């Protein structure tokens, strides 16, 4: 895919490691529609080269000499916004730095090669090229600064006791959500809008391994519901959102009236692990019409067929609309398949989910009383 005027997408790599610069340049050179116009060892070098030619996408390291990547990103997004993909090892302090980069306006975070250039090109070429193409299409939003620090909510505010007495013949409602590029911000907006007693939520967000835990911990400080990285066997409960760990598939399980999650190794599905399609299919099989499925911003088609399977199983399905998506890929495919019962702007999805779950619960109660 070329950019809108039919030319190649121009990429600049900013990283103090010559090995990383070489690995990424070689990986991107395999795509005829991507062109690396410059590779810089630090932000000062990058700024000088940008005066000669402006890139469409920047791949940016965080820890660099003379000026760190976050400072450069802050200046860039306030003065000359360009889609930025942060490249991080995502370990230790680097994880919180990557999260801050997303707050500052970076489109996404990708895994920095941890082995040799040859291994990186073999294993990650497609993922890197997909990320660059998605970033080139991203709708940049004005920089509003890092999220403000908010106090940790009390346990009562995060997970209130349910006053609903569930008939033994019915099961609770569950919400399944899939997202990719732009999803970190979309999920924050969605989860912050949920009430403390919201139905249990299970999420697949395409993220590198070891990044999801820090992402979940940050959301847990901002939301009324509790948010955690999912562990095998975790129960799906009201007032709780579980996020799939990177590099492993997440499935919904059911035992009687109780839901839980399972982690399962396996090959990439629609080029992703975890895959939204895998989660959605398991939800269709295990919960059927007790599910509300949501497909958010992201490039590609992961989750589109799964959303259709959910709808065919009786679930209520929602796709994020084009105007509020950073990349209108996954939802667009789902809409074209006829998989979405509703197409909604991001800021309306949480309210719609809660309302629909309430309707489904009332329907279940009427069904039980009429049996």
Protein backbone atom coordinates (compact mmCIF):
# COMPACT_ATOMS: atom_id res chain seq x y z
CA UNK A 1 0.00 0.00 0.00
CA UNK A 2 1.38 3.38 -1.02
CA UNK A 3 0.40 6.68 0.47
CA UNK A 4 -2.45 8.78 -0.85
CA UNK A 5 -0.58 10.43 -3.76
CA UNK A 6 0.61 7.06 -5.05
CA UNK A 7 4.22 7.37 -3.88
CA UNK A 8 6.05 5.21 -1.36
CA UNK A 9 5.67 5.82 2.36
CA UNK A 10 8.81 7.63 3.52
CA UNK A 11 10.29 6.33 6.78
CA UNK A 12 12.94 7.74 9.11
CA UNK A 13 14.63 5.53 11.72
CA UNK A 14 15.94 7.24 14.86
CA UNK A 15 17.95 4.87 17.07
CA UNK A 16 21.40 5.02 18.61
CA UNK A 17 22.11 1.38 17.74
CA UNK A 18 23.66 0.89 14.32
CA UNK A 19 22.56 -2.76 14.41
CA UNK A 20 18.92 -1.80 14.98
CA UNK A 21 19.04 0.83 12.24
CA UNK A 22 20.47 -1.73 9.84
CA UNK A 23 17.94 -4.41 10.83
CA UNK A 24 14.96 -2.12 10.37
CA UNK A 25 16.26 -0.68 7.12
CA UNK A 26 16.70 -4.18 5.69
CA UNK A 27 13.28 -5.27 6.92
CA UNK A 28 11.50 -2.27 5.42
CA UNK A 29 13.42 -2.51 2.15
CA UNK A 30 11.62 -5.78 1.44
CA UNK A 31 8.37 -3.85 0.91
CA UNK A 32 8.32 -1.97 -2.42
CA UNK A 33 5.87 0.60 -1.04
CA UNK A 34 8.05 1.61 1.93
CA UNK A 35 11.21 3.69 1.55
CA UNK A 36 13.71 4.52 4.29
CA UNK A 37 14.81 8.08 3.53
CA UNK A 38 17.14 8.48 6.51
CA UNK A 39 18.53 6.74 9.59
CA UNK A 40 19.69 8.90 12.50
CA UNK A 41 21.66 8.09 15.62
CA UNK A 42 19.95 10.69 17.81
CA UNK A 43 17.21 13.37 17.65
CA UNK A 44 19.63 16.18 16.69
CA UNK A 45 20.79 14.19 13.69
CA UNK A 46 17.14 13.39 12.87
CA UNK A 47 16.11 17.06 13.03
CA UNK A 48 18.91 18.03 10.63
CA UNK A 49 17.90 15.33 8.16
CA UNK A 50 14.20 16.26 8.40
CA UNK A 51 15.07 19.72 7.05
CA UNK A 52 16.15 18.03 3.80
CA UNK A 53 13.18 15.65 3.50
CA UNK A 54 10.15 15.14 5.72
CA UNK A 55 9.23 11.53 6.54
CA UNK A 56 5.70 10.15 6.59
CA UNK A 57 6.49 7.91 9.58
CA UNK A 58 9.25 7.95 12.21
CA UNK A 59 10.51 4.87 14.05
CA UNK A 60 11.79 6.26 17.36
CA UNK A 61 13.94 4.79 20.11
CA UNK A 62 13.44 6.05 23.68
CA UNK A 63 16.88 5.92 25.27
CA UNK A 64 19.40 7.89 23.18
CA UNK A 65 22.34 10.23 23.80
CA UNK A 66 22.09 14.06 23.77
CA UNK A 67 18.25 14.02 23.74
CA UNK A 68 15.97 11.21 24.83
CA UNK A 69 13.17 10.01 22.59
CA UNK A 70 10.36 11.30 24.81
CA UNK A 71 11.69 14.86 24.73
CA UNK A 72 12.03 14.67 20.96
CA UNK A 73 8.52 13.24 20.65
CA UNK A 74 7.05 16.01 22.80
CA UNK A 75 8.72 18.69 20.66
CA UNK A 76 7.75 16.96 17.44
CA UNK A 77 4.08 16.52 18.30
CA UNK A 78 3.72 20.13 19.52
CA UNK A 79 5.55 21.73 16.58
CA UNK A 80 5.37 19.41 13.55
CA UNK A 81 3.17 16.34 14.18
CA UNK A 82 4.27 13.25 12.28
CA UNK A 83 3.10 9.66 12.91
CA UNK A 84 5.60 8.06 15.29
CA UNK A 85 6.11 4.40 16.13
CA UNK A 86 8.02 4.00 19.37
CA UNK A 87 10.61 1.23 19.31
CA UNK A 88 11.34 -0.10 22.80
CA UNK A 89 12.80 -3.09 24.56
CA UNK A 90 9.74 -2.82 26.83
CA UNK A 91 11.57 -4.00 29.90
CA UNK A 92 11.95 -2.39 33.30
CA UNK A 93 11.90 1.38 33.16
CA UNK A 94 11.47 1.26 29.40
CA UNK A 95 7.92 -0.01 29.81
CA UNK A 96 6.69 3.09 31.64
CA UNK A 97 8.53 5.23 29.10
CA UNK A 98 6.71 3.50 26.27
CA UNK A 99 3.39 4.16 27.97
CA UNK A 100 4.29 7.83 28.36
CA UNK A 101 5.15 7.95 24.66
CA UNK A 102 1.61 6.83 23.82
CA UNK A 103 0.27 9.59 26.06
CA UNK A 104 2.41 12.09 24.15
CA UNK A 105 0.91 11.06 20.82
CA UNK A 106 2.88 8.09 19.50
CA UNK A 107 0.68 5.94 17.26
CA UNK A 108 1.89 2.61 18.59
CA UNK A 109 4.71 0.69 20.28
CA UNK A 110 6.64 -2.05 18.48
CA UNK A 111 9.17 -4.56 19.76
CA UNK A 112 12.82 -3.60 19.31
CA UNK A 113 14.89 -6.49 17.91
CA UNK A 114 16.57 -8.27 20.80
CA UNK A 115 18.67 -10.66 18.72
CA UNK A 116 20.59 -10.34 15.48
CA UNK A 117 19.38 -8.44 12.45
CA UNK A 118 18.80 -11.66 10.50
CA UNK A 119 16.47 -13.11 13.15
CA UNK A 120 14.57 -9.85 13.36
CA UNK A 121 14.03 -9.68 9.60
CA UNK A 122 12.92 -13.31 9.43
CA UNK A 123 10.47 -13.16 12.33
CA UNK A 124 9.21 -9.58 12.34
CA UNK A 125 9.33 -8.17 8.80
CA UNK A 126 5.58 -8.42 8.15
CA UNK A 127 4.64 -7.05 11.57
CA UNK A 128 6.99 -4.07 11.19
CA UNK A 129 5.80 -3.24 7.67
CA UNK A 130 2.16 -3.51 8.76
CA UNK A 131 2.83 -1.16 11.67
CA UNK A 132 4.47 1.43 9.42
CA UNK A 133 1.63 1.31 6.90
CA UNK A 134 -0.92 1.69 9.69
CA UNK A 135 0.96 4.63 11.20
CA UNK A 136 1.06 6.39 7.83
CA UNK A 137 -2.75 6.33 7.77
CA UNK A 138 -3.20 7.42 11.38
CA UNK A 139 -5.24 10.47 12.28
CA UNK A 140 -3.03 12.49 14.58
CA UNK A 141 -4.67 14.20 17.53
CA UNK A 142 -3.47 17.43 19.17
CA UNK A 143 -1.01 16.91 21.99
CA UNK A 144 -2.77 17.39 25.31
CA UNK A 145 0.07 16.27 27.54
CA UNK A 146 0.42 13.17 29.73
CA UNK A 147 -2.58 11.82 31.57
CA UNK A 148 -3.06 13.58 34.85
CA UNK A 149 -2.20 11.67 37.98
CA UNK A 150 -5.32 10.41 39.71
CA UNK A 151 -5.71 8.78 43.11
CA UNK A 152 -6.26 5.06 43.39
CA UNK A 153 -9.96 4.36 43.90
CA UNK A 154 -11.14 2.36 46.88
CA UNK A 155 -12.07 -1.28 46.56
CA UNK A 156 -15.77 -0.42 46.90
CA UNK A 157 -15.59 1.99 43.96
CA UNK A 158 -13.75 -0.50 41.77
CA UNK A 159 -15.83 -3.61 42.46
CA UNK A 160 -19.17 -3.04 44.17
CA UNK A 161 -21.29 -5.94 45.40
CA UNK A 162 -23.94 -6.90 42.88
CA UNK A 163 -27.52 -6.57 44.08
CA UNK A 164 -28.75 -8.78 41.24
CA UNK A 165 -29.81 -12.31 42.20
CA UNK A 166 -29.03 -14.43 39.16
CA UNK A 167 -31.35 -17.35 38.46
CA UNK A 168 -29.36 -20.55 38.27
CA UNK A 169 -30.70 -21.20 34.75
CA UNK A 170 -29.01 -18.14 33.30
CA UNK A 171 -25.46 -16.91 32.95
CA UNK A 172 -24.03 -13.46 33.47
CA UNK A 173 -23.30 -11.21 30.51
CA UNK A 174 -19.77 -10.74 29.22
CA UNK A 175 -18.19 -8.12 26.99
CA UNK A 176 -15.38 -9.03 24.55
CA UNK A 177 -13.30 -6.31 22.91
CA UNK A 178 -10.67 -6.34 20.17
CA UNK A 179 -8.34 -3.50 19.16
CA UNK A 180 -5.03 -2.82 17.44
CA UNK A 181 -3.38 0.39 16.20
CA UNK A 182 -4.77 3.30 18.21
CA UNK A 183 -6.37 0.89 20.64
CA UNK A 184 -4.42 1.91 23.73
CA UNK A 185 -6.13 5.30 23.79
CA UNK A 186 -9.47 3.88 22.62
CA UNK A 187 -9.47 1.31 25.41
CA UNK A 188 -8.64 3.98 28.00
CA UNK A 189 -11.62 6.07 26.88
CA UNK A 190 -13.91 3.02 26.81
CA UNK A 191 -12.86 1.59 30.17
CA UNK A 192 -12.87 4.93 31.98
CA UNK A 193 -16.51 5.38 30.95
CA UNK A 194 -17.65 2.06 32.43
CA UNK A 195 -19.35 2.05 35.85
CA UNK A 196 -17.83 0.13 38.75
CA UNK A 197 -20.41 -2.66 38.39
CA UNK A 198 -20.05 -3.06 34.63
CA UNK A 199 -20.27 -6.56 33.10
CA UNK A 200 -17.01 -8.49 32.95
CA UNK A 201 -14.80 -7.43 30.05
CA UNK A 202 -12.21 -9.53 28.19
CA UNK A 203 -9.85 -7.68 25.85
CA UNK A 204 -7.37 -8.50 23.11
CA UNK A 205 -5.17 -5.53 22.21
CA UNK A 206 -2.31 -6.23 19.82
CA UNK A 207 0.76 -5.49 21.95
CA UNK A 208 4.27 -6.84 22.34
CA UNK A 209 5.02 -9.30 25.12
CA UNK A 210 5.69 -7.72 28.56
CA UNK A 211 3.94 -4.46 27.65
CA UNK A 212 0.39 -5.45 28.57
CA UNK A 213 1.02 -5.74 32.30
CA UNK A 214 2.18 -2.13 32.63
CA UNK A 215 -0.65 -1.02 30.35
CA UNK A 216 -3.21 -2.79 32.54
CA UNK A 217 -1.68 -1.41 35.73
CA UNK A 218 -1.93 2.13 34.42
CA UNK A 219 -5.56 1.68 33.40
CA UNK A 220 -6.29 0.22 36.82
CA UNK A 221 -5.37 3.57 38.39
CA UNK A 222 -7.73 5.46 36.07
CA UNK A 223 -10.88 3.35 35.88
CA UNK A 224 -13.77 2.50 38.18
CA UNK A 225 -13.55 -1.12 37.08
CA UNK A 226 -10.44 -3.07 38.04
CA UNK A 227 -8.09 -3.79 35.15
CA UNK A 228 -5.47 -6.55 35.05
CA UNK A 229 -3.37 -8.58 32.68
CA UNK A 230 -5.17 -11.90 32.34
CA UNK A 231 -3.79 -15.07 33.90
CA UNK A 232 -4.86 -18.58 33.00
CA UNK A 233 -8.03 -19.48 34.90
CA UNK A 234 -8.93 -15.91 35.95
CA UNK A 235 -12.66 -15.49 36.53
CA UNK A 236 -14.61 -13.01 34.44
CA UNK A 237 -16.47 -10.93 36.98
CA UNK A 238 -18.57 -7.80 37.12
CA UNK A 239 -16.38 -4.77 37.65
CA UNK A 240 -13.28 -6.44 36.15
CA UNK A 241 -11.53 -6.10 32.79
CA UNK A 242 -8.91 -8.64 31.74
CA UNK A 243 -6.35 -7.84 29.03
CA UNK A 244 -4.64 -10.61 27.06
CA UNK A 245 -0.89 -10.88 27.64
CA UNK A 246 1.29 -10.35 24.59
CA UNK A 247 2.35 -13.35 22.50
CA UNK A 248 -0.30 -15.81 23.71
CA UNK A 249 -3.91 -16.40 22.69
CA UNK A 250 -6.75 -15.64 25.11
CA UNK A 251 -9.99 -17.65 25.10
CA UNK A 252 -13.25 -17.43 27.03
CA UNK A 253 -14.36 -20.52 28.94
CA UNK A 254 -17.66 -21.30 30.63
CA UNK A 255 -18.52 -23.69 33.45
CA UNK A 256 -22.21 -23.62 34.34
CA UNK A 257 -23.04 -19.98 34.98
CA UNK A 258 -19.41 -18.95 35.48
CA UNK A 259 -16.97 -17.55 32.96
CA UNK A 260 -13.19 -17.66 33.06
CA UNK A 261 -10.31 -17.16 30.65
CA UNK A 262 -7.70 -19.54 29.29
CA UNK A 263 -4.28 -18.79 27.83
CA UNK A 264 -3.22 -20.96 24.93
CA UNK A 265 -0.03 -21.12 22.90
CA UNK A 266 -0.23 -21.61 19.17
CA UNK A 267 0.61 -20.10 15.80
CA UNK A 268 -0.15 -16.57 14.71
CA UNK A 269 -3.77 -16.11 13.63
CA UNK A 270 -4.39 -13.33 11.10
CA UNK A 271 -0.73 -12.45 11.77
CA UNK A 272 -1.37 -11.88 15.46
CA UNK A 273 -0.90 -13.58 18.81
CA UNK A 274 -3.09 -12.88 20.70
CA UNK A 275 -5.75 -12.78 18.01
CA UNK A 276 -9.12 -11.05 18.29
CA UNK A 277 -10.66 -13.72 16.08
CA UNK A 278 -9.61 -16.43 18.54
CA UNK A 279 -11.20 -14.60 21.48
CA UNK A 280 -14.39 -13.81 19.55
CA UNK A 281 -14.81 -17.36 18.31
CA UNK A 282 -14.41 -18.78 21.81
CA UNK A 283 -16.95 -16.26 23.10
CA UNK A 284 -19.42 -17.22 20.37
CA UNK A 285 -19.06 -20.89 21.28
CA UNK A 286 -19.06 -20.50 25.05
CA UNK A 287 -21.49 -17.62 25.64
CA UNK A 288 -23.51 -16.98 22.46
CA UNK A 289 -26.30 -14.48 23.03
CA UNK A 290 -24.96 -13.54 26.47
CA UNK A 291 -22.16 -11.58 24.77
CA UNK A 292 -21.68 -8.03 23.60
CA UNK A 293 -18.77 -7.86 21.15
CA UNK A 294 -16.86 -4.67 20.30
CA UNK A 295 -14.30 -4.22 17.51
CA UNK A 296 -12.20 -1.07 17.71
CA UNK A 297 -9.57 0.77 15.70
CA UNK A 298 -6.82 -1.20 13.99
CA UNK A 299 -5.22 -2.11 10.69
CA UNK A 300 -6.01 -5.35 8.90
CA UNK A 301 -8.94 -7.68 9.46
CA UNK A 302 -8.31 -9.48 12.75
CA UNK A 303 -11.61 -9.73 14.60
CA UNK A 304 -13.87 -9.07 11.61
CA UNK A 305 -14.80 -12.69 10.98
CA UNK A 306 -14.95 -13.30 14.72
CA UNK A 307 -17.43 -10.46 15.14
CA UNK A 308 -19.58 -12.05 12.44
CA UNK A 309 -19.44 -15.38 14.29
CA UNK A 310 -20.57 -13.60 17.43
CA UNK A 311 -23.51 -12.01 15.63
CA UNK A 312 -24.49 -15.35 14.11
CA UNK A 313 -24.42 -16.88 17.61
CA UNK A 314 -26.93 -14.28 18.81
CA UNK A 315 -24.52 -11.78 20.37
CA UNK A 316 -24.95 -8.02 20.01
CA UNK A 317 -22.05 -6.57 18.02
CA UNK A 318 -20.56 -3.06 17.80
CA UNK A 319 -17.93 -1.63 15.44
CA UNK A 320 -16.16 1.68 16.06
CA UNK A 321 -16.98 4.27 13.40
CA UNK A 322 -14.49 5.66 10.89
CA UNK A 323 -14.38 9.20 12.25
CA UNK A 324 -13.18 8.13 15.71
CA UNK A 325 -10.73 5.41 14.57
CA UNK A 326 -7.01 6.06 14.34
CA UNK A 327 -6.96 3.39 11.61
CA UNK A 328 -10.29 2.32 10.10
CA UNK A 329 -9.23 -1.19 9.12
CA UNK A 330 -10.58 -3.98 11.32
CA UNK A 331 -13.96 -2.29 11.94
CA UNK A 332 -14.35 -1.47 8.24
CA UNK A 333 -13.90 -5.11 7.24
CA UNK A 334 -16.40 -6.20 9.88
CA UNK A 335 -18.96 -3.64 8.71
CA UNK A 336 -18.54 -4.78 5.11
CA UNK A 337 -19.16 -8.37 6.23
CA UNK A 338 -22.42 -7.29 7.87
CA UNK A 339 -21.00 -8.28 11.25
CA UNK A 340 -21.94 -5.12 13.17
CA UNK A 341 -25.37 -4.53 14.68
CA UNK A 342 -24.28 -0.96 15.44
CA UNK A 343 -21.53 1.39 14.21
CA UNK A 344 -20.75 3.92 16.92
CA UNK A 345 -18.27 6.69 17.76
CA UNK A 346 -15.77 5.77 20.44
CA UNK A 347 -17.28 8.00 23.13
CA UNK A 348 -20.68 6.28 22.77
CA UNK A 349 -19.56 2.66 22.94
CA UNK A 350 -19.35 2.22 26.74
CA UNK A 351 -22.85 3.57 27.28
CA UNK A 352 -24.22 1.33 24.52
CA UNK A 353 -22.49 -1.73 25.97
CA UNK A 354 -23.89 -1.16 29.46
CA UNK A 355 -27.37 -0.47 28.11
CA UNK A 356 -27.38 -3.57 25.91
CA UNK A 357 -26.11 -5.82 28.70
CA UNK A 358 -28.91 -4.52 30.88
CA UNK A 359 -31.44 -5.35 28.15
CA UNK A 360 -29.99 -8.83 27.73
CA UNK A 361 -30.21 -9.42 31.46
CA UNK A 362 -33.84 -8.34 31.56
CA UNK A 363 -34.58 -10.60 28.60
CA UNK A 364 -32.97 -13.53 30.39
CA UNK A 365 -35.07 -12.89 33.49
CA UNK A 366 -38.28 -12.75 31.46
CA UNK A 367 -37.33 -15.99 29.74
CA UNK A 368 -36.72 -17.72 33.06
CA UNK A 369 -39.98 -16.46 34.57
CA UNK A 370 -41.86 -17.61 31.49
CA UNK A 371 -40.30 -21.07 31.49
